[in-house]
Amino acid sequence: MSDIYLYNTIAREKQKFVPIDEKNVRMYVCGPTVWDYAHIGNARPVVVFDTLFRLLRLTYGEEHVTYARNFTDIDDKIMNRAAEEGVSIKTISNRYAKVYVEDMGTLGALTPTIQPKATEHIPEMIRMMQTLIERGHAYAAEGHVMFNVPSMENYGRLSRHSRDELVAGARVEVAPFKRDPADFVLWKPSTEEQVGWGSPWGRGRPGWHLECSCMIEKHLGETIDIHAGGQDLIFPHHENEIAQSECTHGKTFVNYWMHNGYLTVDGEKMSKSLGNFHTVHDLIAEHPGEAIRMSLLAAHYRQPVDFSIESMREQKRRLDRWYRLTDGVVASADVPESVVDALKDDLNTPKAIAALDAFATPEDAPKLKAGAQFMGFLQMGATAWFQGDAPEGISVAEIEAKISERLEARKNKDFAASDRIRDELAALGVVLEDSAGVTTWRKAD
């Protein structure tokens, strides 16, 4: 069995992956704050680290991998939305958590082993804060509990920022009760109108960073194998998780840190004002989830990816070809080695997809199907895949029959009949594309 190599953010290099326990490989990925629909940028870490989850399960056995992805279900945005609608925060968070799970499932993401919610871990958070205070790493002040950043000698080693950069990057709030500008909130007071829980420091609610540390401790342990998320979480979120957990337990918190690159849309930062803001919920109403998944995996996860409707349509055409080639084909028993080896090299999904394209021939269709299904593609039959693609006035079955008729004409060198069938379909809004001996079709733009 070849080894898995992963780029470890904290080491700034690709390293051989050696799990703490091969019988219980543990991975945690930061999940959503459930106050609205997830946007396409939120979907990138889901799809990327779902691919890693699949690879770990293949390598160590499905029963030997524990994958946790949390829900942040207490946050000012959730509280504001609840107040606007006159409902509880639970109503808001449950609504959007349900949609999130359904939408990510449409993108082919497997269900994580554990999906903890922050609000279900308040006792663990209180215990961690008490330990940090006892050890001099935190202090209570005016209803707040603050982490004492100067108490940790190597604070900042994940992001490798200077102290001035750390303070500036945290957008620190100037508060008279802070002992140091870099100190961050573990617990903050709640007003009578706000959601809160009882604690030794008064009624309040947790800070965002504390939540993940406590969920990891409870479900995965004091030291875990992999912690992953978007590049934007390196600082302050993941930096502060390290501070909390390592100062509580006095040991390494995470062995391998992984972060995916940023996502742009049509070459620009996604923004509602630019009109290039896409939620996953809206996209899957009009486009297949597998085409979106392919778009997110087409670039290496550590590199930026530029998402566009046109790039997604290109990936749809690639999948059309794969579906036609594998229709009725029984998948090989094993995932092709070239696909697995590409993924074991720091999740090189572009190389894995290229390996699948190399199997896109009638002879290698069983290998294509096995490898594609392993990566979350070809999850339905060809008929279901093409359903809804046909323009008005003609069905998928009729298009396929015309393509078969045209193929027979071409075999008989009756090119006039072949051209006539192409023109008939074009008049109905169906465009044929011939490539590598395979004909695919799409609805005209």
Protein backbone atom coordinates (compact mmCIF):
# COMPACT_ATOMS: atom_id res chain seq x y z
CA MET A 1 0.00 0.00 0.00
CA SER A 2 1.47 3.32 -1.06
CA ASP A 3 1.60 6.09 1.52
CA ILE A 4 -0.63 9.15 1.72
CA TYR A 5 1.17 12.52 1.64
CA LEU A 6 -0.58 15.69 2.80
CA TYR A 7 0.52 19.31 2.88
CA ASN A 8 0.64 20.28 6.55
CA THR A 9 -0.03 24.01 6.96
CA ILE A 10 1.76 24.24 10.29
CA ALA A 11 4.92 22.62 8.88
CA ARG A 12 4.67 24.39 5.48
CA GLU A 13 5.53 21.16 3.67
CA LYS A 14 4.09 17.96 2.28
CA GLN A 15 4.44 15.17 4.83
CA LYS A 16 3.78 11.44 4.96
CA PHE A 17 0.52 10.84 6.78
CA VAL A 18 0.98 8.63 9.83
CA PRO A 19 -2.24 8.29 11.88
CA ILE A 20 -2.19 8.17 15.66
CA ASP A 21 -4.20 4.95 15.50
CA GLU A 22 -4.87 3.14 12.20
CA LYS A 23 -8.00 1.67 13.78
CA ASN A 24 -9.42 5.13 14.51
CA VAL A 25 -8.27 7.84 12.10
CA ARG A 26 -9.83 11.12 13.25
CA MET A 27 -10.62 14.17 11.11
CA TYR A 28 -12.48 17.38 11.93
CA VAL A 29 -13.64 19.96 9.38
CA CYS A 30 -15.17 23.29 10.37
CA GLY A 31 -18.81 23.34 9.33
CA PRO A 32 -21.30 26.13 8.65
CA THR A 33 -22.83 28.85 10.77
CA VAL A 34 -26.46 27.99 10.06
CA TRP A 35 -28.26 31.28 9.57
CA ASP A 36 -28.72 31.27 5.76
CA TYR A 37 -28.09 29.18 2.65
CA ALA A 38 -24.49 28.10 2.04
CA HIS A 39 -22.75 29.83 -0.88
CA ILE A 40 -20.54 28.09 -3.42
CA GLY A 41 -17.39 29.11 -1.53
CA ASN A 42 -18.71 27.30 1.56
CA ALA A 43 -19.10 24.16 -0.55
CA ARG A 44 -15.44 23.92 -1.56
CA PRO A 45 -14.09 22.55 1.75
CA VAL A 46 -17.07 20.19 1.96
CA VAL A 47 -16.31 18.63 -1.43
CA VAL A 48 -12.51 18.69 -1.00
CA PHE A 49 -12.46 17.05 2.42
CA ASP A 50 -15.24 14.65 1.48
CA THR A 51 -12.73 13.38 -1.11
CA LEU A 52 -10.15 12.98 1.66
CA PHE A 53 -12.73 11.15 3.79
CA ARG A 54 -13.31 8.74 0.89
CA LEU A 55 -9.56 8.18 0.49
CA LEU A 56 -9.05 7.52 4.21
CA ARG A 57 -11.94 5.05 4.25
CA LEU A 58 -10.51 3.24 1.24
CA THR A 59 -7.05 3.10 2.85
CA TYR A 60 -7.90 2.23 6.46
CA GLY A 61 -11.41 0.76 6.20
CA GLU A 62 -14.76 2.53 6.53
CA GLU A 63 -15.18 1.50 10.16
CA HIS A 64 -11.76 2.90 11.10
CA VAL A 65 -12.30 6.56 10.11
CA THR A 66 -14.20 9.09 12.23
CA TYR A 67 -15.08 12.33 10.48
CA ALA A 68 -16.71 15.18 12.42
CA ARG A 69 -18.13 18.31 10.81
CA ASN A 70 -19.87 20.71 13.17
CA PHE A 71 -22.76 23.13 13.07
CA THR A 72 -22.23 26.56 14.64
CA ASP A 73 -25.80 27.10 15.87
CA ILE A 74 -25.19 30.06 18.20
CA ASP A 75 -23.98 33.27 16.61
CA ASP A 76 -25.02 36.91 16.37
CA LYS A 77 -26.20 36.40 12.76
CA ILE A 78 -28.47 33.57 13.87
CA MET A 79 -29.76 35.67 16.77
CA ASN A 80 -30.46 38.63 14.47
CA ARG A 81 -32.30 36.45 11.92
CA ALA A 82 -34.37 34.88 14.71
CA ALA A 83 -35.27 38.32 16.06
CA GLU A 84 -36.28 39.51 12.57
CA GLU A 85 -38.61 36.53 12.14
CA GLY A 86 -39.82 36.43 15.74
CA VAL A 87 -38.75 32.80 16.21
CA SER A 88 -36.18 30.94 18.31
CA ILE A 89 -32.55 30.52 17.27
CA LYS A 90 -33.22 26.77 17.21
CA THR A 91 -35.89 27.28 14.54
CA ILE A 92 -33.43 29.20 12.38
CA SER A 93 -30.44 26.92 12.91
CA ASN A 94 -32.44 23.70 12.42
CA ARG A 95 -33.98 25.05 9.23
CA TYR A 96 -30.68 25.93 7.59
CA ALA A 97 -28.83 22.90 8.97
CA LYS A 98 -31.40 20.64 7.29
CA VAL A 99 -31.06 22.45 3.96
CA TYR A 100 -27.26 22.39 4.26
CA VAL A 101 -27.18 18.62 4.72
CA GLU A 102 -29.52 18.10 1.76
CA ASP A 103 -27.62 20.51 -0.51
CA MET A 104 -24.21 19.05 0.30
CA GLY A 105 -25.63 15.58 -0.27
CA THR A 106 -26.67 16.72 -3.73
CA LEU A 107 -23.01 17.62 -4.32
CA GLY A 108 -22.12 14.00 -3.54
CA ALA A 109 -20.77 14.61 -0.04
CA LEU A 110 -20.99 11.57 2.22
CA THR A 111 -22.60 12.06 5.62
CA PRO A 112 -19.90 12.71 8.26
CA THR A 113 -19.63 10.22 11.10
CA ILE A 114 -20.55 12.92 13.62
CA GLN A 115 -22.29 16.30 13.13
CA PRO A 116 -22.14 17.99 16.55
CA LYS A 117 -23.92 21.24 17.37
CA ALA A 118 -22.22 23.93 19.45
CA THR A 119 -25.20 24.54 21.73
CA GLU A 120 -25.09 20.91 22.89
CA HIS A 121 -21.61 21.40 24.39
CA ILE A 122 -22.01 24.27 26.86
CA PRO A 123 -20.92 22.15 29.91
CA GLU A 124 -17.71 21.16 28.08
CA MET A 125 -17.02 24.80 27.26
CA ILE A 126 -17.47 25.87 30.89
CA ARG A 127 -15.08 23.13 32.04
CA MET A 128 -12.43 24.16 29.51
CA MET A 129 -12.65 27.81 30.56
CA GLN A 130 -12.32 26.85 34.23
CA THR A 131 -9.18 24.84 33.44
CA LEU A 132 -7.69 27.71 31.41
CA ILE A 133 -8.35 30.17 34.25
CA GLU A 134 -6.79 27.81 36.81
CA ARG A 135 -3.66 27.50 34.66
CA GLY A 136 -3.31 31.25 34.09
CA HIS A 137 -4.25 31.11 30.42
CA ALA A 138 -7.58 32.90 30.81
CA TYR A 139 -9.22 35.45 33.09
CA ALA A 140 -12.70 36.69 33.94
CA ALA A 141 -13.52 40.37 33.45
CA GLU A 142 -16.89 42.15 33.52
CA GLY A 143 -18.91 39.05 32.63
CA HIS A 144 -16.43 38.03 29.93
CA VAL A 145 -13.85 35.26 29.94
CA MET A 146 -10.79 36.23 27.90
CA PHE A 147 -7.92 34.07 26.67
CA ASN A 148 -4.60 35.46 27.90
CA VAL A 149 -2.53 35.41 24.70
CA PRO A 150 0.84 36.42 26.28
CA SER A 151 0.60 33.34 28.53
CA MET A 152 1.27 31.11 25.50
CA GLU A 153 4.85 31.35 24.29
CA ASN A 154 4.35 29.99 20.79
CA TYR A 155 1.01 31.60 19.99
CA GLY A 156 0.84 32.38 16.26
CA ARG A 157 2.90 29.48 14.93
CA LEU A 158 0.17 28.26 12.57
CA SER A 159 -0.27 31.59 10.77
CA ARG A 160 3.34 32.68 11.37
CA HIS A 161 2.29 36.31 11.73
CA SER A 162 4.23 38.82 13.81
CA ARG A 163 2.55 40.08 16.96
CA ASP A 164 1.52 43.34 15.23
CA GLU A 165 0.02 41.38 12.35
CA LEU A 166 -1.85 39.13 14.77
CA VAL A 167 -3.39 42.09 16.57
CA ALA A 168 -4.31 43.85 13.31
CA GLY A 169 -5.61 40.67 11.68
CA ALA A 170 -7.87 39.89 14.60
CA ARG A 171 -9.59 43.28 14.20
CA VAL A 172 -9.38 43.45 17.96
CA GLU A 173 -12.03 45.24 19.90
CA VAL A 174 -10.66 47.89 22.21
CA ALA A 175 -12.06 47.09 25.65
CA PRO A 176 -10.92 48.41 29.02
CA PHE A 177 -11.15 44.97 30.63
CA LYS A 178 -8.61 43.42 28.22
CA ARG A 179 -5.17 42.85 29.67
CA ASP A 180 -3.58 42.66 26.22
CA PRO A 181 -4.86 43.87 22.81
CA ALA A 182 -4.45 40.35 21.35
CA ASP A 183 -6.58 38.62 24.02
CA PHE A 184 -9.71 37.05 22.56
CA VAL A 185 -13.16 36.18 23.88
CA LEU A 186 -14.05 32.75 25.23
CA TRP A 187 -17.33 33.81 26.84
CA LYS A 188 -19.38 36.98 26.58
CA PRO A 189 -22.38 38.24 28.55
CA SER A 190 -25.92 38.12 27.15
CA THR A 191 -28.59 40.71 27.78
CA GLU A 192 -32.06 39.66 28.93
CA GLU A 193 -33.24 39.77 25.32
CA GLN A 194 -30.35 37.67 24.02
CA VAL A 195 -29.90 33.91 24.14
CA GLY A 196 -27.65 32.82 27.00
CA TRP A 197 -26.68 30.09 29.42
CA GLY A 198 -25.81 30.18 33.09
CA SER A 199 -22.11 30.05 34.00
CA PRO A 200 -19.80 30.88 36.94
CA TRP A 201 -19.20 34.26 35.24
CA GLY A 202 -22.86 35.11 34.70
CA ARG A 203 -25.39 34.43 31.98
CA GLY A 204 -23.76 34.50 28.56
CA ARG A 205 -22.80 32.64 25.43
CA PRO A 206 -19.58 31.17 24.00
CA GLY A 207 -17.10 32.67 21.60
CA TRP A 208 -16.82 30.98 18.20
CA HIS A 209 -13.30 29.60 18.67
CA LEU A 210 -14.10 27.85 21.94
CA GLU A 211 -16.91 25.84 20.39
CA CYS A 212 -14.74 23.82 18.00
CA SER A 213 -12.09 23.03 20.64
CA CYS A 214 -14.72 21.54 22.93
CA MET A 215 -16.54 19.57 20.23
CA ILE A 216 -13.23 18.06 19.11
CA GLU A 217 -12.24 17.19 22.69
CA LYS A 218 -15.56 15.46 23.37
CA HIS A 219 -15.94 13.47 20.15
CA LEU A 220 -12.40 12.93 18.84
CA GLY A 221 -10.01 13.37 21.77
CA GLU A 222 -7.30 15.71 23.01
CA THR A 223 -5.05 15.11 19.96
CA ILE A 224 -6.45 14.36 16.50
CA ASP A 225 -4.97 13.44 13.15
CA ILE A 226 -6.39 16.04 10.75
CA HIS A 227 -8.12 19.39 11.16
CA ALA A 228 -9.25 21.08 7.96
CA GLY A 229 -11.12 24.06 6.60
CA GLY A 230 -10.84 27.07 4.35
CA GLN A 231 -7.68 29.15 4.16
CA ASP A 232 -9.56 32.07 5.71
CA LEU A 233 -9.83 30.11 8.98
CA ILE A 234 -6.07 29.85 9.62
CA PHE A 235 -6.21 33.08 11.61
CA PRO A 236 -7.78 33.78 13.95
CA HIS A 237 -10.04 30.71 14.24
CA HIS A 238 -7.61 27.81 13.96
CA GLU A 239 -4.83 29.73 15.70
CA ASN A 240 -7.13 30.28 18.65
CA GLU A 241 -8.33 26.69 18.68
CA ILE A 242 -4.70 25.61 19.10
CA ALA A 243 -4.23 28.08 21.95
CA GLN A 244 -7.31 26.90 23.84
CA SER A 245 -6.79 23.16 23.39
CA GLU A 246 -3.03 22.99 23.92
CA CYS A 247 -3.12 25.24 26.99
CA THR A 248 -5.90 23.07 28.41
CA HIS A 249 -4.32 19.68 27.77
CA GLY A 250 -0.60 20.47 27.55
CA LYS A 251 -0.13 18.46 24.37
CA THR A 252 -0.27 18.77 20.57
CA PHE A 253 -3.81 19.46 19.43
CA VAL A 254 -3.63 18.51 15.73
CA ASN A 255 -0.95 16.61 13.80
CA TYR A 256 -1.93 17.70 10.26
CA TRP A 257 -3.56 21.01 9.41
CA MET A 258 -5.10 21.28 5.93
CA HIS A 259 -6.58 24.34 4.24
CA ASN A 260 -8.22 24.82 0.86
CA GLY A 261 -7.62 27.92 -1.25
CA TYR A 262 -10.04 30.73 -1.98
CA LEU A 263 -12.84 30.65 -4.53
CA THR A 264 -13.58 33.45 -6.96
CA VAL A 265 -16.49 33.73 -9.39
CA ASP A 266 -15.79 34.84 -12.96
CA GLY A 267 -12.37 36.07 -11.87
CA GLU A 268 -13.63 38.28 -9.04
CA LYS A 269 -14.34 37.96 -5.35
CA MET A 270 -17.90 36.78 -4.85
CA SER A 271 -20.20 39.63 -3.89
CA LYS A 272 -23.91 40.31 -4.00
CA SER A 273 -23.20 43.83 -5.25
CA LEU A 274 -21.32 42.39 -8.26
CA GLY A 275 -24.16 40.01 -9.03
CA ASN A 276 -21.84 36.98 -8.90
CA PHE A 277 -23.06 35.57 -5.58
CA HIS A 278 -24.25 31.96 -5.90
CA THR A 279 -25.83 29.85 -3.18
CA VAL A 280 -25.57 26.09 -3.55
CA HIS A 281 -29.34 25.89 -3.05
CA ASP A 282 -29.97 28.07 -6.12
CA LEU A 283 -27.32 26.38 -8.26
CA ILE A 284 -28.61 22.85 -7.74
CA ALA A 285 -32.11 23.96 -8.74
CA GLU A 286 -30.75 24.46 -12.28
CA HIS A 287 -27.55 22.40 -12.53
CA PRO A 288 -26.56 18.84 -11.59
CA GLY A 289 -24.77 18.52 -8.26
CA GLU A 290 -22.07 16.35 -9.84
CA ALA A 291 -21.17 19.11 -12.32
CA ILE A 292 -20.78 21.55 -9.41
CA ARG A 293 -18.67 18.98 -7.56
CA MET A 294 -16.45 18.50 -10.62
CA SER A 295 -15.98 22.28 -10.94
CA LEU A 296 -14.80 22.47 -7.32
CA LEU A 297 -12.34 19.58 -7.75
CA ALA A 298 -10.96 20.66 -11.13
CA ALA A 299 -8.22 22.75 -9.46
CA HIS A 300 -5.87 21.49 -6.76
CA TYR A 301 -7.43 22.18 -3.38
CA ARG A 302 -4.59 24.42 -2.15
CA GLN A 303 -4.84 26.65 -5.22
CA PRO A 304 -7.49 29.28 -5.89
CA VAL A 305 -10.40 28.07 -8.00
CA ASP A 306 -12.38 30.32 -10.33
CA PHE A 307 -15.98 29.19 -10.53
CA SER A 308 -18.24 30.14 -13.42
CA ILE A 309 -21.46 28.90 -14.96
CA GLU A 310 -19.57 28.18 -18.19
CA SER A 311 -16.88 26.13 -16.43
CA MET A 312 -19.65 24.16 -14.74
CA ARG A 313 -21.27 23.51 -18.12
CA GLU A 314 -17.93 22.24 -19.43
CA GLN A 315 -17.74 19.80 -16.54
CA LYS A 316 -21.34 18.76 -17.27
CA ARG A 317 -20.28 17.88 -20.83
CA ARG A 318 -17.39 15.79 -19.48
CA LEU A 319 -19.82 13.93 -17.21
CA ASP A 320 -22.24 13.48 -20.13
CA ARG A 321 -19.47 11.63 -21.96
CA TRP A 322 -18.68 9.49 -18.91
CA TYR A 323 -22.34 8.62 -18.38
CA ARG A 324 -22.77 7.53 -22.00
CA LEU A 325 -19.65 5.39 -21.93
CA THR A 326 -20.59 3.64 -18.69
CA ASP A 327 -24.33 3.19 -19.30
CA GLY A 328 -25.13 -0.44 -18.50
CA VAL A 329 -21.48 -1.18 -17.66
CA VAL A 330 -20.55 -3.05 -14.47
CA ALA A 331 -17.85 -1.17 -12.52
CA SER A 332 -14.50 -2.82 -11.87
CA ALA A 333 -14.10 -4.33 -8.41
CA ASP A 334 -11.18 -2.04 -7.55
CA VAL A 335 -10.60 1.69 -7.88
CA PRO A 336 -7.90 2.22 -10.54
CA GLU A 337 -4.46 2.62 -9.03
CA SER A 338 -3.72 5.77 -11.05
CA VAL A 339 -6.73 7.51 -9.48
CA VAL A 340 -5.85 6.46 -5.94
CA ASP A 341 -2.17 7.36 -6.36
CA ALA A 342 -3.10 10.85 -7.56
CA LEU A 343 -5.26 11.41 -4.48
CA LYS A 344 -2.61 10.02 -2.15
CA ASP A 345 -0.31 12.77 -3.44
CA ASP A 346 -1.87 15.58 -1.39
CA LEU A 347 -5.33 15.13 -2.89
CA ASN A 348 -4.28 15.89 -6.46
CA THR A 349 -7.83 15.88 -7.85
CA PRO A 350 -6.91 17.41 -11.26
CA LYS A 351 -4.52 14.48 -11.80
CA ALA A 352 -7.16 12.01 -10.60
CA ILE A 353 -9.73 13.47 -13.02
CA ALA A 354 -7.16 13.27 -15.85
CA ALA A 355 -6.61 9.61 -14.93
CA LEU A 356 -10.36 9.04 -15.21
CA ASP A 357 -10.42 10.76 -18.61
CA ALA A 358 -7.72 8.32 -19.74
CA PHE A 359 -10.23 5.51 -19.05
CA ALA A 360 -12.98 7.24 -21.05
CA THR A 361 -13.00 4.58 -23.79
CA PRO A 362 -15.41 1.70 -24.39
CA GLU A 363 -12.68 -0.79 -23.40
CA ASP A 364 -11.88 0.90 -20.08
CA ALA A 365 -15.43 1.95 -19.16
CA PRO A 366 -15.53 -0.45 -16.14
CA LYS A 367 -12.43 1.24 -14.69
CA LEU A 368 -13.86 4.68 -15.43
CA LYS A 369 -17.06 3.81 -13.60
CA ALA A 370 -15.23 2.41 -10.54
CA GLY A 371 -12.91 5.40 -10.24
CA ALA A 372 -15.59 8.00 -10.91
CA GLN A 373 -18.01 6.50 -8.39
CA PHE A 374 -15.26 6.43 -5.78
CA MET A 375 -14.78 10.17 -6.32
CA GLY A 376 -18.49 10.90 -6.00
CA PHE A 377 -19.46 10.88 -9.69
CA LEU A 378 -21.70 8.61 -11.83
CA GLN A 379 -24.01 8.15 -8.86
CA MET A 380 -27.13 7.63 -11.01
CA GLY A 381 -28.13 5.88 -14.21
CA ALA A 382 -27.65 7.59 -17.55
CA THR A 383 -31.40 7.96 -18.12
CA ALA A 384 -31.83 9.76 -14.79
CA TRP A 385 -28.75 11.91 -15.49
CA PHE A 386 -30.04 13.16 -18.83
CA GLN A 387 -33.63 13.56 -17.70
CA GLY A 388 -34.64 17.18 -17.98
CA ASP A 389 -31.86 18.04 -20.43
CA ALA A 390 -34.05 17.61 -23.48
CA PRO A 391 -35.66 20.73 -25.02
CA GLU A 392 -39.43 20.90 -25.41
CA GLY A 393 -40.76 18.81 -28.27
CA ILE A 394 -38.40 15.84 -27.93
CA SER A 395 -37.61 13.35 -25.16
CA VAL A 396 -34.27 12.01 -23.95
CA ALA A 397 -35.18 8.59 -25.34
CA GLU A 398 -35.95 10.09 -28.77
CA ILE A 399 -32.64 11.96 -28.82
CA GLU A 400 -30.75 8.79 -27.91
CA ALA A 401 -32.59 6.89 -30.63
CA LYS A 402 -31.64 9.56 -33.20
CA ILE A 403 -27.99 9.37 -32.09
CA SER A 404 -28.04 5.56 -32.51
CA GLU A 405 -29.61 5.97 -35.97
CA ARG A 406 -26.92 8.50 -36.90
CA LEU A 407 -24.17 6.21 -35.61
CA GLU A 408 -25.49 3.39 -37.82
CA ALA A 409 -25.55 5.77 -40.82
CA ARG A 410 -21.93 6.76 -40.18
CA LYS A 411 -20.89 3.10 -39.96
CA ASN A 412 -22.50 2.59 -43.36
CA LYS A 413 -20.74 5.70 -44.66
CA ASP A 414 -24.13 7.30 -45.32
CA PHE A 415 -22.89 10.77 -44.38
CA ALA A 416 -25.87 12.51 -45.98
CA ALA A 417 -28.20 10.70 -43.53
CA SER A 418 -25.79 11.48 -40.67
CA ASP A 419 -25.84 15.19 -41.49
CA ARG A 420 -29.62 15.17 -41.90
CA ILE A 421 -30.10 13.71 -38.40
CA ARG A 422 -27.67 16.25 -36.94
CA ASP A 423 -29.60 19.09 -38.62
CA GLU A 424 -32.96 17.72 -37.46
CA LEU A 425 -31.75 17.65 -33.87
CA ALA A 426 -30.17 21.10 -34.15
CA ALA A 427 -33.53 22.48 -35.32
CA LEU A 428 -35.06 21.08 -32.14
CA GLY A 429 -32.39 22.73 -29.97
CA VAL A 430 -30.12 19.70 -29.52
CA VAL A 431 -26.41 20.14 -30.24
CA LEU A 432 -24.32 17.02 -31.01
CA GLU A 433 -20.63 16.86 -30.17
CA ASP A 434 -18.34 14.11 -31.51
CA SER A 435 -15.15 13.37 -29.59
CA ALA A 436 -12.90 10.30 -29.42
CA GLY A 437 -15.49 8.14 -31.15
CA VAL A 438 -18.25 9.10 -28.71
CA THR A 439 -21.21 11.36 -29.45
CA THR A 440 -22.61 13.52 -26.66
CA TRP A 441 -25.44 16.01 -26.80
CA ARG A 442 -26.53 19.09 -24.98
CA LYS A 443 -29.35 21.56 -25.10
CA ALA A 444 -28.47 24.58 -27.25
CA ASP A 445 -27.57 27.70 -25.25
